[in-house]
PDB file of N, CA and C in Angstrom:
ATOM      1  N   MET A   1       3.515  -6.468 -10.683  1.00  0.00           N
ATOM      2  CA  MET A   1       3.706  -6.280  -9.258  1.00  0.00           C
ATOM      3  C   MET A   1       3.019  -5.213  -8.765  1.00  0.00           C
ATOM      4  N   ARG A   2       2.367  -5.347  -7.588  1.00  0.00           N
ATOM      5  CA  ARG A   2       1.639  -4.450  -6.838  1.00  0.00           C
ATOM      6  C   ARG A   2       2.659  -3.468  -6.206  1.00  0.00           C
ATOM      7  N   HIS A   3       2.681  -2.185  -6.552  1.00  0.00           N
ATOM      8  CA  HIS A   3       3.459  -1.251  -5.850  1.00  0.00           C
ATOM      9  C   HIS A   3       2.559  -0.282  -4.998  1.00  0.00           C
ATOM     10  N   HIS A   4       2.689  -0.426  -3.690  1.00  0.00           N
ATOM     11  CA  HIS A   4       1.781   0.289  -2.853  1.00  0.00           C
ATOM     12  C   HIS A   4       2.317   1.819  -2.741  1.00  0.00           C
ATOM     13  N   PHE A   5       1.532   2.761  -3.121  1.00  0.00           N
ATOM     14  CA  PHE A   5       1.894   4.167  -2.806  1.00  0.00           C
ATOM     15  C   PHE A   5       1.536   4.669  -1.555  1.00  0.00           C
ATOM     16  N   VAL A   6       0.627   3.853  -0.731  1.00  0.00           N
ATOM     17  CA  VAL A   6       0.348   4.065   0.640  1.00  0.00           C
ATOM     18  C   VAL A   6       0.807   2.728   1.321  1.00  0.00           C
ATOM     19  N   SER A   7       1.738   2.852   2.207  1.00  0.00           N
ATOM     20  CA  SER A   7       2.279   1.633   2.822  1.00  0.00           C
ATOM     21  C   SER A   7       1.347   0.812   3.632  1.00  0.00           C
ATOM     22  N   GLN A   8       1.418  -0.421   3.539  1.00  0.00           N
ATOM     23  CA  GLN A   8       0.514  -1.339   4.295  1.00  0.00           C
ATOM     24  C   GLN A   8       0.503  -1.159   5.818  1.00  0.00           C
ATOM     25  N   PHE A   9       1.754  -0.942   6.362  1.00  0.00           N
ATOM     26  CA  PHE A   9       1.746  -0.671   7.772  1.00  0.00           C
ATOM     27  C   PHE A   9       1.031   0.662   8.227  1.00  0.00           C
ATOM     28  N   TYR A  10       1.015   1.723   7.314  1.00  0.00           N
ATOM     29  CA  TYR A  10       0.178   2.814   7.535  1.00  0.00           C
ATOM     30  C   TYR A  10      -1.274   2.572   7.373  1.00  0.00           C
ATOM     31  N   LEU A  11      -1.570   1.762   6.458  1.00  0.00           N
ATOM     32  CA  LEU A  11      -3.032   1.456   6.229  1.00  0.00           C
ATOM     33  C   LEU A  11      -3.533   0.668   7.468  1.00  0.00           C
ATOM     34  N   SER A  12      -2.713  -0.074   8.211  1.00  0.00           N
ATOM     35  CA  SER A  12      -3.137  -0.876   9.401  1.00  0.00           C
ATOM     36  C   SER A  12      -3.896  -0.171  10.346  1.00  0.00           C
ATOM     37  N   ARG A  13      -3.671   1.256  10.452  1.00  0.00           N
ATOM     38  CA  ARG A  13      -4.323   2.141  11.429  1.00  0.00           C
ATOM     39  C   ARG A  13      -5.765   2.238  11.087  1.00  0.00           C
ATOM     40  N   TRP A  14      -6.275   2.047   9.920  1.00  0.00           N
ATOM     41  CA  TRP A  14      -7.619   2.268   9.517  1.00  0.00           C
ATOM     42  C   TRP A  14      -8.369   0.840   9.456  1.00  0.00           C
ATOM     43  N   GLU A  15      -7.768  -0.270   9.838  1.00  0.00           N
ATOM     44  CA  GLU A  15      -8.432  -1.563   9.739  1.00  0.00           C
ATOM     45  C   GLU A  15      -9.532  -1.637  10.738  1.00  0.00           C
ATOM     46  N   GLU A  16     -10.675  -2.232  10.252  1.00  0.00           N
ATOM     47  CA  GLU A  16     -11.793  -2.394  11.231  1.00  0.00           C
ATOM     48  C   GLU A  16     -11.477  -3.612  12.090  1.00  0.00           C
ATOM     49  N   PRO A  17     -11.700  -3.543  13.338  1.00  0.00           N
ATOM     50  CA  PRO A  17     -11.338  -4.645  14.338  1.00  0.00           C
ATOM     51  C   PRO A  17     -12.055  -5.995  13.985  1.00  0.00           C
ATOM     52  N   GLN A  18     -13.382  -5.839  13.501  1.00  0.00           N
ATOM     53  CA  GLN A  18     -14.066  -7.128  13.366  1.00  0.00           C
ATOM     54  C   GLN A  18     -13.612  -7.983  12.235  1.00  0.00           C
ATOM     55  N   ASP A  19     -12.972  -7.364  11.096  1.00  0.00           N
ATOM     56  CA  ASP A  19     -12.658  -8.138   9.916  1.00  0.00           C
ATOM     57  C   ASP A  19     -11.243  -7.793   9.336  1.00  0.00           C
ATOM     58  N   GLY A  20     -10.650  -6.721   9.868  1.00  0.00           N
ATOM     59  CA  GLY A  20      -9.401  -6.201   9.323  1.00  0.00           C
ATOM     60  C   GLY A  20      -9.432  -5.541   8.071  1.00  0.00           C
ATOM     61  N   ARG A  21     -10.577  -5.159   7.604  1.00  0.00           N
ATOM     62  CA  ARG A  21     -10.711  -4.494   6.237  1.00  0.00           C
ATOM     63  C   ARG A  21     -10.741  -2.952   6.468  1.00  0.00           C
ATOM     64  N   ILE A  22     -10.466  -2.300   5.354  1.00  0.00           N
ATOM     65  CA  ILE A  22     -10.336  -0.798   5.428  1.00  0.00           C
ATOM     66  C   ILE A  22     -11.483  -0.263   4.664  1.00  0.00           C
ATOM     67  N   PRO A  23     -12.382   0.722   5.321  1.00  0.00           N
ATOM     68  CA  PRO A  23     -13.388   1.341   4.425  1.00  0.00           C
ATOM     69  C   PRO A  23     -12.718   2.243   3.403  1.00  0.00           C
ATOM     70  N   THR A  24     -13.203   2.084   2.117  1.00  0.00           N
ATOM     71  CA  THR A  24     -12.630   2.818   0.998  1.00  0.00           C
ATOM     72  C   THR A  24     -13.775   3.391   0.212  1.00  0.00           C
ATOM     73  N   PHE A  25     -13.657   4.584  -0.261  1.00  0.00           N
ATOM     74  CA  PHE A  25     -14.750   5.168  -1.144  1.00  0.00           C
ATOM     75  C   PHE A  25     -14.222   5.118  -2.646  1.00  0.00           C
ATOM     76  N   LEU A  26     -15.190   4.627  -3.438  1.00  0.00           N
ATOM     77  CA  LEU A  26     -14.838   4.411  -4.877  1.00  0.00           C
ATOM     78  C   LEU A  26     -15.817   5.169  -5.583  1.00  0.00           C
ATOM     79  N   ARG A  27     -15.399   5.990  -6.730  1.00  0.00           N
ATOM     80  CA  ARG A  27     -16.339   6.580  -7.516  1.00  0.00           C
ATOM     81  C   ARG A  27     -16.589   5.745  -8.834  1.00  0.00           C
ATOM     82  N   LYS A  28     -17.863   5.488  -8.998  1.00  0.00           N
ATOM     83  CA  LYS A  28     -18.342   4.640 -10.049  1.00  0.00           C
ATOM     84  C   LYS A  28     -18.293   5.480 -11.316  1.00  0.00           C
ATOM     85  N   THR A  29     -18.524   4.868 -12.536  1.00  0.00           N
ATOM     86  CA  THR A  29     -18.431   5.539 -13.784  1.00  0.00           C
ATOM     87  C   THR A  29     -19.662   6.554 -13.917  1.00  0.00           C
ATOM     88  N   ASP A  30     -20.741   6.344 -13.237  1.00  0.00           N
ATOM     89  CA  ASP A  30     -21.925   7.212 -13.363  1.00  0.00           C
ATOM     90  C   ASP A  30     -21.747   8.364 -12.246  1.00  0.00           C
ATOM     91  N   GLY A  31     -20.614   8.388 -11.618  1.00  0.00           N
ATOM     92  CA  GLY A  31     -20.374   9.536 -10.668  1.00  0.00           C
ATOM     93  C   GLY A  31     -20.793   9.177  -9.205  1.00  0.00           C
ATOM     94  N   GLN A  32     -21.430   8.160  -9.026  1.00  0.00           N
ATOM     95  CA  GLN A  32     -21.937   7.710  -7.606  1.00  0.00           C
ATOM     96  C   GLN A  32     -20.811   7.247  -6.876  1.00  0.00           C
ATOM     97  N   ILE A  33     -20.838   7.544  -5.601  1.00  0.00           N
ATOM     98  CA  ILE A  33     -19.657   7.206  -4.621  1.00  0.00           C
ATOM     99  C   ILE A  33     -20.248   6.114  -3.736  1.00  0.00           C
ATOM    100  N   ASP A  34     -19.498   4.980  -3.786  1.00  0.00           N
ATOM    101  CA  ASP A  34     -19.808   3.790  -2.891  1.00  0.00           C
ATOM    102  C   ASP A  34     -18.693   3.519  -1.801  1.00  0.00           C
ATOM    103  N   LEU A  35     -19.243   3.119  -0.725  1.00  0.00           N
ATOM    104  CA  LEU A  35     -18.328   2.577   0.407  1.00  0.00           C
ATOM    105  C   LEU A  35     -18.094   1.107   0.268  1.00  0.00           C
ATOM    106  N   VAL A  36     -16.897   0.851   0.087  1.00  0.00           N
ATOM    107  CA  VAL A  36     -16.417  -0.575  -0.127  1.00  0.00           C
ATOM    108  C   VAL A  36     -15.387  -0.876   0.956  1.00  0.00           C
ATOM    109  N   ARG A  37     -15.298  -2.106   1.326  1.00  0.00           N
ATOM    110  CA  ARG A  37     -14.212  -2.447   2.385  1.00  0.00           C
ATOM    111  C   ARG A  37     -13.213  -3.451   1.645  1.00  0.00           C
ATOM    112  N   PHE A  38     -11.881  -3.120   1.796  1.00  0.00           N
ATOM    113  CA  PHE A  38     -10.833  -3.877   1.247  1.00  0.00           C
ATOM    114  C   PHE A  38      -9.863  -4.385   2.334  1.00  0.00           C
ATOM    115  N   ALA A  39      -9.262  -5.508   2.020  1.00  0.00           N
ATOM    116  CA  ALA A  39      -8.051  -5.737   2.923  1.00  0.00           C
ATOM    117  C   ALA A  39      -6.879  -4.824   2.539  1.00  0.00           C
ATOM    118  N   LYS A  40      -6.011  -4.533   3.477  1.00  0.00           N
ATOM    119  CA  LYS A  40      -4.994  -3.593   3.122  1.00  0.00           C
ATOM    120  C   LYS A  40      -4.007  -3.927   1.918  1.00  0.00           C
ATOM    121  N   GLN A  41      -3.917  -5.248   1.632  1.00  0.00           N
ATOM    122  CA  GLN A  41      -3.154  -5.697   0.517  1.00  0.00           C
ATOM    123  C   GLN A  41      -3.865  -5.247  -0.747  1.00  0.00           C
ATOM    124  N   SER A  42      -5.220  -4.941  -0.712  1.00  0.00           N
ATOM    125  CA  SER A  42      -5.915  -4.716  -1.936  1.00  0.00           C
ATOM    126  C   SER A  42      -6.319  -3.319  -2.201  1.00  0.00           C
ATOM    127  N   THR A  43      -5.647  -2.372  -1.513  1.00  0.00           N
ATOM    128  CA  THR A  43      -5.864  -0.931  -1.629  1.00  0.00           C
ATOM    129  C   THR A  43      -4.698  -0.186  -1.588  1.00  0.00           C
ATOM    130  N   GLY A  44      -4.659   0.980  -2.117  1.00  0.00           N
ATOM    131  CA  GLY A  44      -3.480   1.893  -2.035  1.00  0.00           C
ATOM    132  C   GLY A  44      -2.289   1.415  -2.917  1.00  0.00           C
ATOM    133  N   TYR A  45      -2.555   0.872  -4.108  1.00  0.00           N
ATOM    134  CA  TYR A  45      -1.490   0.328  -4.907  1.00  0.00           C
ATOM    135  C   TYR A  45      -1.800   0.578  -6.444  1.00  0.00           C
ATOM    136  N   GLU A  46      -0.807   0.433  -7.273  1.00  0.00           N
ATOM    137  CA  GLU A  46      -0.872   0.444  -8.704  1.00  0.00           C
ATOM    138  C   GLU A  46      -0.059  -0.595  -9.191  1.00  0.00           C
ATOM    139  N   HIS A  47      -0.438  -1.310 -10.180  1.00  0.00           N
ATOM    140  CA  HIS A  47       0.470  -2.285 -10.902  1.00  0.00           C
ATOM    141  C   HIS A  47       1.598  -1.668 -11.575  1.00  0.00           C
ATOM    142  N   ASP A  48       2.816  -2.167 -11.207  1.00  0.00           N
ATOM    143  CA  ASP A  48       3.999  -1.660 -11.847  1.00  0.00           C
ATOM    144  C   ASP A  48       4.182  -0.173 -11.908  1.00  0.00           C
ATOM    145  N   LEU A  49       3.770   0.463 -10.668  1.00  0.00           N
ATOM    146  CA  LEU A  49       3.920   1.909 -10.643  1.00  0.00           C
ATOM    147  C   LEU A  49       5.348   2.431 -10.676  1.00  0.00           C
ATOM    148  N   TYR A  50       6.275   1.639  -9.996  1.00  0.00           N
ATOM    149  CA  TYR A  50       7.688   1.992  -9.983  1.00  0.00           C
ATOM    150  C   TYR A  50       8.568   1.130 -10.836  1.00  0.00           C
ATOM    151  N   ALA A  51       7.891   0.416 -11.819  1.00  0.00           N
ATOM    152  CA  ALA A  51       8.768  -0.414 -12.656  1.00  0.00           C
ATOM    153  C   ALA A  51       9.377   0.332 -13.867  1.00  0.00           C
ATOM    154  N   PHE A  52      10.583  -0.112 -14.189  1.00  0.00           N
ATOM    155  CA  PHE A  52      11.368   0.462 -15.248  1.00  0.00           C
ATOM    156  C   PHE A  52      10.856  -0.227 -16.541  1.00  0.00           C
ATOM    157  N   THR A  53      10.892   0.505 -17.634  1.00  0.00           N
ATOM    158  CA  THR A  53      10.581  -0.071 -18.891  1.00  0.00           C
ATOM    159  C   THR A  53      11.931  -0.031 -19.726  1.00  0.00           C
ATOM    160  N   ASN A  54      12.029  -0.846 -20.708  1.00  0.00           N
ATOM    161  CA  ASN A  54      13.140  -0.958 -21.649  1.00  0.00           C
ATOM    162  C   ASN A  54      14.466  -1.391 -20.906  1.00  0.00           C
ATOM    163  N   VAL A  55      14.213  -2.292 -19.886  1.00  0.00           N
ATOM    164  CA  VAL A  55      15.308  -2.905 -19.136  1.00  0.00           C
ATOM    165  C   VAL A  55      15.068  -4.292 -19.196  1.00  0.00           C
ATOM    166  N   ASP A  56      16.194  -5.080 -18.766  1.00  0.00           N
ATOM    167  CA  ASP A  56      16.003  -6.547 -18.641  1.00  0.00           C
ATOM    168  C   ASP A  56      14.846  -6.812 -17.626  1.00  0.00           C
ATOM    169  N   GLN A  57      14.122  -7.982 -17.848  1.00  0.00           N
ATOM    170  CA  GLN A  57      13.110  -8.240 -16.986  1.00  0.00           C
ATOM    171  C   GLN A  57      13.562  -8.464 -15.544  1.00  0.00           C
ATOM    172  N   ASP A  58      14.748  -8.857 -15.239  1.00  0.00           N
ATOM    173  CA  ASP A  58      15.290  -9.078 -13.907  1.00  0.00           C
ATOM    174  C   ASP A  58      15.490  -7.629 -13.227  1.00  0.00           C
ATOM    175  N   ASP A  59      15.610  -6.625 -13.993  1.00  0.00           N
ATOM    176  CA  ASP A  59      15.824  -5.362 -13.448  1.00  0.00           C
ATOM    177  C   ASP A  59      14.610  -4.427 -13.318  1.00  0.00           C
ATOM    178  N   LYS A  60      13.483  -4.988 -13.864  1.00  0.00           N
ATOM    179  CA  LYS A  60      12.292  -4.164 -13.978  1.00  0.00           C
ATOM    180  C   LYS A  60      11.793  -3.566 -12.641  1.00  0.00           C
ATOM    181  N   HIS A  61      11.913  -4.376 -11.636  1.00  0.00           N
ATOM    182  CA  HIS A  61      11.364  -3.943 -10.167  1.00  0.00           C
ATOM    183  C   HIS A  61      12.611  -3.631  -9.226  1.00  0.00           C
ATOM    184  N   VAL A  62      13.716  -3.251  -9.792  1.00  0.00           N
ATOM    185  CA  VAL A  62      14.819  -3.024  -8.859  1.00  0.00           C
ATOM    186  C   VAL A  62      14.601  -1.899  -7.872  1.00  0.00           C
ATOM    187  N   LEU A  63      13.896  -0.827  -8.315  1.00  0.00           N
ATOM    188  CA  LEU A  63      13.653   0.250  -7.337  1.00  0.00           C
ATOM    189  C   LEU A  63      12.834  -0.205  -6.085  1.00  0.00           C
ATOM    190  N   GLU A  64      11.750  -1.044  -6.406  1.00  0.00           N
ATOM    191  CA  GLU A  64      10.947  -1.510  -5.381  1.00  0.00           C
ATOM    192  C   GLU A  64      11.787  -2.503  -4.401  1.00  0.00           C
ATOM    193  N   HIS A  65      12.540  -3.361  -5.004  1.00  0.00           N
ATOM    194  CA  HIS A  65      13.318  -4.374  -4.218  1.00  0.00           C
ATOM    195  C   HIS A  65      14.519  -3.807  -3.432  1.00  0.00           C
ATOM    196  N   GLU A  66      15.158  -2.846  -4.138  1.00  0.00           N
ATOM    197  CA  GLU A  66      16.312  -2.375  -3.471  1.00  0.00           C
ATOM    198  C   GLU A  66      16.186  -1.117  -2.600  1.00  0.00           C
ATOM    199  N   PHE A  67      15.151  -0.413  -2.821  1.00  0.00           N
ATOM    200  CA  PHE A  67      15.036   0.964  -2.179  1.00  0.00           C
ATOM    201  C   PHE A  67      13.685   0.841  -1.209  1.00  0.00           C
ATOM    202  N   PHE A  68      12.554   0.732  -1.794  1.00  0.00           N
ATOM    203  CA  PHE A  68      11.348   0.916  -1.111  1.00  0.00           C
ATOM    204  C   PHE A  68      11.019  -0.162  -0.036  1.00  0.00           C
ATOM    205  N   THR A  69      11.207  -1.515  -0.493  1.00  0.00           N
ATOM    206  CA  THR A  69      11.015  -2.522   0.531  1.00  0.00           C
ATOM    207  C   THR A  69      11.877  -2.443   1.694  1.00  0.00           C
ATOM    208  N   PRO A  70      13.222  -2.369   1.600  1.00  0.00           N
ATOM    209  CA  PRO A  70      14.018  -2.207   2.767  1.00  0.00           C
ATOM    210  C   PRO A  70      13.755  -1.061   3.697  1.00  0.00           C
ATOM    211  N   SER A  71      13.457   0.129   3.066  1.00  0.00           N
ATOM    212  CA  SER A  71      13.131   1.255   3.883  1.00  0.00           C
ATOM    213  C   SER A  71      11.797   1.160   4.590  1.00  0.00           C
ATOM    214  N   LEU A  72      10.842   0.407   4.059  1.00  0.00           N
ATOM    215  CA  LEU A  72       9.589   0.213   4.773  1.00  0.00           C
ATOM    216  C   LEU A  72       9.705  -0.822   5.882  1.00  0.00           C
ATOM    217  N   ASN A  73      10.579  -1.792   5.589  1.00  0.00           N
ATOM    218  CA  ASN A  73      10.825  -2.746   6.700  1.00  0.00           C
ATOM    219  C   ASN A  73      11.575  -2.274   7.836  1.00  0.00           C
ATOM    220  N   CYS A  74      12.236  -1.091   7.690  1.00  0.00           N
ATOM    221  CA  CYS A  74      12.912  -0.416   8.865  1.00  0.00           C
ATOM    222  C   CYS A  74      11.929   0.336   9.676  1.00  0.00           C
ATOM    223  N   ALA A  75      10.807   0.694   9.035  1.00  0.00           N
ATOM    224  CA  ALA A  75       9.856   1.524   9.761  1.00  0.00           C
ATOM    225  C   ALA A  75       9.055   0.774  10.855  1.00  0.00           C
ATOM    226  N   GLY A  76       8.897  -0.528  10.601  1.00  0.00           N
ATOM    227  CA  GLY A  76       8.296  -1.383  11.591  1.00  0.00           C
ATOM    228  C   GLY A  76       6.742  -1.261  11.497  1.00  0.00           C
ATOM    229  N   PRO A  77       6.054  -2.206  12.273  1.00  0.00           N
ATOM    230  CA  PRO A  77       4.591  -2.183  12.175  1.00  0.00           C
ATOM    231  C   PRO A  77       4.110  -0.925  13.061  1.00  0.00           C
ATOM    232  N   PRO A  78       2.839  -0.610  12.780  1.00  0.00           N
ATOM    233  CA  PRO A  78       2.203   0.658  13.442  1.00  0.00           C
ATOM    234  C   PRO A  78       2.442   0.885  14.874  1.00  0.00           C
ATOM    235  N   ASN A  79       2.371  -0.128  15.640  1.00  0.00           N
ATOM    236  CA  ASN A  79       2.418   0.073  17.111  1.00  0.00           C
ATOM    237  C   ASN A  79       3.763  -0.345  17.691  1.00  0.00           C
ATOM    238  N   SER A  80       4.839  -0.388  16.886  1.00  0.00           N
ATOM    239  CA  SER A  80       6.106  -0.902  17.340  1.00  0.00           C
ATOM    240  C   SER A  80       6.961   0.177  18.075  1.00  0.00           C
ATOM    241  N   GLY A  81       6.514   1.484  17.957  1.00  0.00           N
ATOM    242  CA  GLY A  81       7.382   2.478  18.433  1.00  0.00           C
ATOM    243  C   GLY A  81       8.209   3.169  17.483  1.00  0.00           C
ATOM    244  N   ALA A  82       8.406   2.424  16.396  1.00  0.00           N
ATOM    245  CA  ALA A  82       9.274   3.017  15.257  1.00  0.00           C
ATOM    246  C   ALA A  82       8.654   4.177  14.536  1.00  0.00           C
ATOM    247  N   ASN A  83       7.379   4.351  14.628  1.00  0.00           N
ATOM    248  CA  ASN A  83       6.705   5.441  13.911  1.00  0.00           C
ATOM    249  C   ASN A  83       5.641   6.182  14.823  1.00  0.00           C
ATOM    250  N   ASN A  84       6.217   6.452  16.083  1.00  0.00           N
ATOM    251  CA  ASN A  84       5.356   7.251  16.937  1.00  0.00           C
ATOM    252  C   ASN A  84       4.887   8.647  16.469  1.00  0.00           C
ATOM    253  N   TRP A  85       5.484   9.122  15.377  1.00  0.00           N
ATOM    254  CA  TRP A  85       5.124  10.315  14.902  1.00  0.00           C
ATOM    255  C   TRP A  85       3.761  10.359  14.270  1.00  0.00           C
ATOM    256  N   LEU A  86       3.144   9.093  14.017  1.00  0.00           N
ATOM    257  CA  LEU A  86       1.778   9.123  13.505  1.00  0.00           C
ATOM    258  C   LEU A  86       0.797   9.189  14.680  1.00  0.00           C
ATOM    259  N   SER A  87       1.067   9.093  15.854  1.00  0.00           N
ATOM    260  CA  SER A  87       0.194   9.202  16.978  1.00  0.00           C
ATOM    261  C   SER A  87      -0.140  10.623  17.355  1.00  0.00           C
TER     262      SER A  87
END
């Protein structure tokens, strides 16, 4: 499961208007840095970042489902007024 350490509604502020993608810098194995463009769903995440180990499969992602997702849903989309502190 993708666990976003940068929330998608926060990443929305950096979406390019023409295609909705976010400019992202990536360091290649040779040290060169490239500018790549990703959809917000495809950046700022790690697989199973908040997953528990040594628990039943049904409980593996309980932290994401019970805590992070509900708290992010309360924040609202970027221009909803719910997070004017970003402006």
